[in-house]
């Protein structure tokens, strides 16, 4: 069984930065597509960024140029570097791992962007 634990969330002012981490516990980490999703109140969960086993990345249009996803296959950890944060980035951020049809989710970490 795969377990994902997010960390790094918190309160930050607009324009600030945060780095989220997702620790992957299990086997075959390097073969998973890893992603960050977020869900704001009253909205559906949406993809923020994803990174394949080969290192290819994909970002939501709303975060392009501001967020960077990366992975460390030695530490079994995925990161989301968030810069130039906006109030609309406020959400619970979830780590996701996918291998073919298998999906795993972390418990989420709250990111609040407010002055």
C-alpha atoms as a PDB file:
ATOM      1  CA  UNK A   1       0.000   0.000   0.000  1.00  0.00           C
ATOM      2  CA  UNK A   2       1.190   3.461  -0.918  1.00  0.00           C
ATOM      3  CA  UNK A   3       1.039   6.235   1.631  1.00  0.00           C
ATOM      4  CA  UNK A   4       1.470   9.909   0.876  1.00  0.00           C
ATOM      5  CA  UNK A   5       2.101  12.608   3.440  1.00  0.00           C
ATOM      6  CA  UNK A   6       2.075  16.265   2.478  1.00  0.00           C
ATOM      7  CA  UNK A   7       3.772  19.006   4.403  1.00  0.00           C
ATOM      8  CA  UNK A   8       4.746  22.619   4.004  1.00  0.00           C
ATOM      9  CA  UNK A   9       1.398  24.331   3.886  1.00  0.00           C
ATOM     10  CA  UNK A  10       0.579  27.410   5.853  1.00  0.00           C
ATOM     11  CA  UNK A  11      -0.366  31.043   5.733  1.00  0.00           C
ATOM     12  CA  UNK A  12       1.482  33.309   3.359  1.00  0.00           C
ATOM     13  CA  UNK A  13       0.965  36.831   2.083  1.00  0.00           C
ATOM     14  CA  UNK A  14       0.188  37.522  -1.563  1.00  0.00           C
ATOM     15  CA  UNK A  15       3.378  37.509  -3.571  1.00  0.00           C
ATOM     16  CA  UNK A  16       5.053  35.166  -1.148  1.00  0.00           C
ATOM     17  CA  UNK A  17       6.379  31.672  -1.627  1.00  0.00           C
ATOM     18  CA  UNK A  18       5.870  28.236  -0.171  1.00  0.00           C
ATOM     19  CA  UNK A  19       7.302  24.843  -0.927  1.00  0.00           C
ATOM     20  CA  UNK A  20       5.152  21.785  -0.437  1.00  0.00           C
ATOM     21  CA  UNK A  21       6.593  18.341   0.035  1.00  0.00           C
ATOM     22  CA  UNK A  22       5.021  14.951  -0.458  1.00  0.00           C
ATOM     23  CA  UNK A  23       6.691  11.940   1.066  1.00  0.00           C
ATOM     24  CA  UNK A  24       5.934   8.677  -0.705  1.00  0.00           C
ATOM     25  CA  UNK A  25       5.996   5.522   1.368  1.00  0.00           C
ATOM     26  CA  UNK A  26       5.912   2.309  -0.584  1.00  0.00           C
ATOM     27  CA  UNK A  27       7.578   0.664  -3.499  1.00  0.00           C
ATOM     28  CA  UNK A  28       8.125   1.650  -7.093  1.00  0.00           C
ATOM     29  CA  UNK A  29       8.048   5.395  -6.502  1.00  0.00           C
ATOM     30  CA  UNK A  30      10.067   6.137  -9.600  1.00  0.00           C
ATOM     31  CA  UNK A  31       7.425   4.498 -11.784  1.00  0.00           C
ATOM     32  CA  UNK A  32       4.537   6.625 -10.553  1.00  0.00           C
ATOM     33  CA  UNK A  33       3.216   9.742 -12.125  1.00  0.00           C
ATOM     34  CA  UNK A  34       3.118  12.214  -9.264  1.00  0.00           C
ATOM     35  CA  UNK A  35       0.839  15.181  -9.093  1.00  0.00           C
ATOM     36  CA  UNK A  36      -0.362  18.030  -6.988  1.00  0.00           C
ATOM     37  CA  UNK A  37      -4.044  18.822  -6.898  1.00  0.00           C
ATOM     38  CA  UNK A  38      -5.922  21.445  -4.996  1.00  0.00           C
ATOM     39  CA  UNK A  39      -9.456  21.971  -3.846  1.00  0.00           C
ATOM     40  CA  UNK A  40     -10.886  25.273  -2.756  1.00  0.00           C
ATOM     41  CA  UNK A  41     -14.192  25.612  -0.910  1.00  0.00           C
ATOM     42  CA  UNK A  42     -17.107  25.132  -3.259  1.00  0.00           C
ATOM     43  CA  UNK A  43     -14.901  23.973  -6.096  1.00  0.00           C
ATOM     44  CA  UNK A  44     -13.914  20.645  -7.539  1.00  0.00           C
ATOM     45  CA  UNK A  45     -10.473  19.246  -7.075  1.00  0.00           C
ATOM     46  CA  UNK A  46      -8.226  20.349  -9.902  1.00  0.00           C
ATOM     47  CA  UNK A  47      -4.839  19.379 -11.193  1.00  0.00           C
ATOM     48  CA  UNK A  48      -2.140  21.892 -10.374  1.00  0.00           C
ATOM     49  CA  UNK A  49       0.949  20.131 -11.653  1.00  0.00           C
ATOM     50  CA  UNK A  50       2.137  16.670 -12.542  1.00  0.00           C
ATOM     51  CA  UNK A  51       5.435  15.021 -13.241  1.00  0.00           C
ATOM     52  CA  UNK A  52       5.983  11.704 -14.954  1.00  0.00           C
ATOM     53  CA  UNK A  53       8.482   9.026 -14.130  1.00  0.00           C
ATOM     54  CA  UNK A  54      10.628  10.445 -16.895  1.00  0.00           C
ATOM     55  CA  UNK A  55      10.503  13.978 -15.546  1.00  0.00           C
ATOM     56  CA  UNK A  56       8.046  15.513 -17.975  1.00  0.00           C
ATOM     57  CA  UNK A  57       5.859  18.136 -16.338  1.00  0.00           C
ATOM     58  CA  UNK A  58       2.441  19.613 -16.870  1.00  0.00           C
ATOM     59  CA  UNK A  59       0.864  22.625 -15.200  1.00  0.00           C
ATOM     60  CA  UNK A  60      -2.506  24.203 -14.925  1.00  0.00           C
ATOM     61  CA  UNK A  61      -2.643  27.436 -16.893  1.00  0.00           C
ATOM     62  CA  UNK A  62      -3.336  29.345 -13.709  1.00  0.00           C
ATOM     63  CA  UNK A  63       0.013  28.415 -12.181  1.00  0.00           C
ATOM     64  CA  UNK A  64       2.310  28.324 -15.191  1.00  0.00           C
ATOM     65  CA  UNK A  65       5.401  30.369 -14.607  1.00  0.00           C
ATOM     66  CA  UNK A  66       4.800  30.516 -10.875  1.00  0.00           C
ATOM     67  CA  UNK A  67       4.831  26.916  -9.681  1.00  0.00           C
ATOM     68  CA  UNK A  68       7.433  24.245 -10.242  1.00  0.00           C
ATOM     69  CA  UNK A  69       6.981  20.552  -9.597  1.00  0.00           C
ATOM     70  CA  UNK A  70       9.974  18.329  -9.083  1.00  0.00           C
ATOM     71  CA  UNK A  71      10.767  14.887  -7.774  1.00  0.00           C
ATOM     72  CA  UNK A  72      13.630  13.234  -6.010  1.00  0.00           C
ATOM     73  CA  UNK A  73      13.639   9.534  -6.777  1.00  0.00           C
ATOM     74  CA  UNK A  74      16.247   8.895  -4.112  1.00  0.00           C
ATOM     75  CA  UNK A  75      14.287  10.539  -1.325  1.00  0.00           C
ATOM     76  CA  UNK A  76      10.943   9.354  -2.722  1.00  0.00           C
ATOM     77  CA  UNK A  77       9.650  12.882  -2.436  1.00  0.00           C
ATOM     78  CA  UNK A  78       7.765  15.247  -4.706  1.00  0.00           C
ATOM     79  CA  UNK A  79       7.902  18.996  -4.287  1.00  0.00           C
ATOM     80  CA  UNK A  80       5.822  21.913  -5.381  1.00  0.00           C
ATOM     81  CA  UNK A  81       7.617  25.225  -5.307  1.00  0.00           C
ATOM     82  CA  UNK A  82       5.027  27.975  -5.314  1.00  0.00           C
ATOM     83  CA  UNK A  83       6.067  31.534  -6.033  1.00  0.00           C
ATOM     84  CA  UNK A  84       4.156  34.762  -6.497  1.00  0.00           C
ATOM     85  CA  UNK A  85       1.236  33.340  -4.607  1.00  0.00           C
ATOM     86  CA  UNK A  86      -2.190  34.817  -5.105  1.00  0.00           C
ATOM     87  CA  UNK A  87      -5.301  34.690  -2.923  1.00  0.00           C
ATOM     88  CA  UNK A  88      -6.918  32.443  -5.515  1.00  0.00           C
ATOM     89  CA  UNK A  89      -4.235  29.857  -4.799  1.00  0.00           C
ATOM     90  CA  UNK A  90      -5.844  29.305  -1.414  1.00  0.00           C
ATOM     91  CA  UNK A  91      -6.907  25.681  -1.188  1.00  0.00           C
ATOM     92  CA  UNK A  92      -6.147  22.343   0.317  1.00  0.00           C
ATOM     93  CA  UNK A  93      -3.327  20.851  -1.702  1.00  0.00           C
ATOM     94  CA  UNK A  94      -3.233  17.112  -2.211  1.00  0.00           C
ATOM     95  CA  UNK A  95      -0.465  14.879  -3.382  1.00  0.00           C
ATOM     96  CA  UNK A  96      -1.414  12.186  -5.848  1.00  0.00           C
ATOM     97  CA  UNK A  97       0.371   9.120  -7.105  1.00  0.00           C
ATOM     98  CA  UNK A  98      -0.767   7.211 -10.162  1.00  0.00           C
ATOM     99  CA  UNK A  99       0.428   3.977 -11.651  1.00  0.00           C
ATOM    100  CA  UNK A 100      -1.743   2.823 -14.524  1.00  0.00           C
ATOM    101  CA  UNK A 101      -5.228   2.658 -12.998  1.00  0.00           C
ATOM    102  CA  UNK A 102      -4.141   2.936  -9.383  1.00  0.00           C
ATOM    103  CA  UNK A 103      -4.534   6.257  -7.613  1.00  0.00           C
ATOM    104  CA  UNK A 104      -3.392   7.228  -4.151  1.00  0.00           C
ATOM    105  CA  UNK A 105      -4.016  10.437  -2.256  1.00  0.00           C
ATOM    106  CA  UNK A 106      -2.448  12.183   0.662  1.00  0.00           C
ATOM    107  CA  UNK A 107      -4.465  13.814   3.406  1.00  0.00           C
ATOM    108  CA  UNK A 108      -3.859  17.304   2.122  1.00  0.00           C
ATOM    109  CA  UNK A 109      -2.186  20.416   3.414  1.00  0.00           C
ATOM    110  CA  UNK A 110      -3.828  23.811   3.701  1.00  0.00           C
ATOM    111  CA  UNK A 111      -2.373  26.735   1.820  1.00  0.00           C
ATOM    112  CA  UNK A 112      -3.853  30.105   2.636  1.00  0.00           C
ATOM    113  CA  UNK A 113      -2.774  33.205   0.765  1.00  0.00           C
ATOM    114  CA  UNK A 114      -4.048  36.276   2.513  1.00  0.00           C
ATOM    115  CA  UNK A 115      -2.949  39.666   3.706  1.00  0.00           C
END
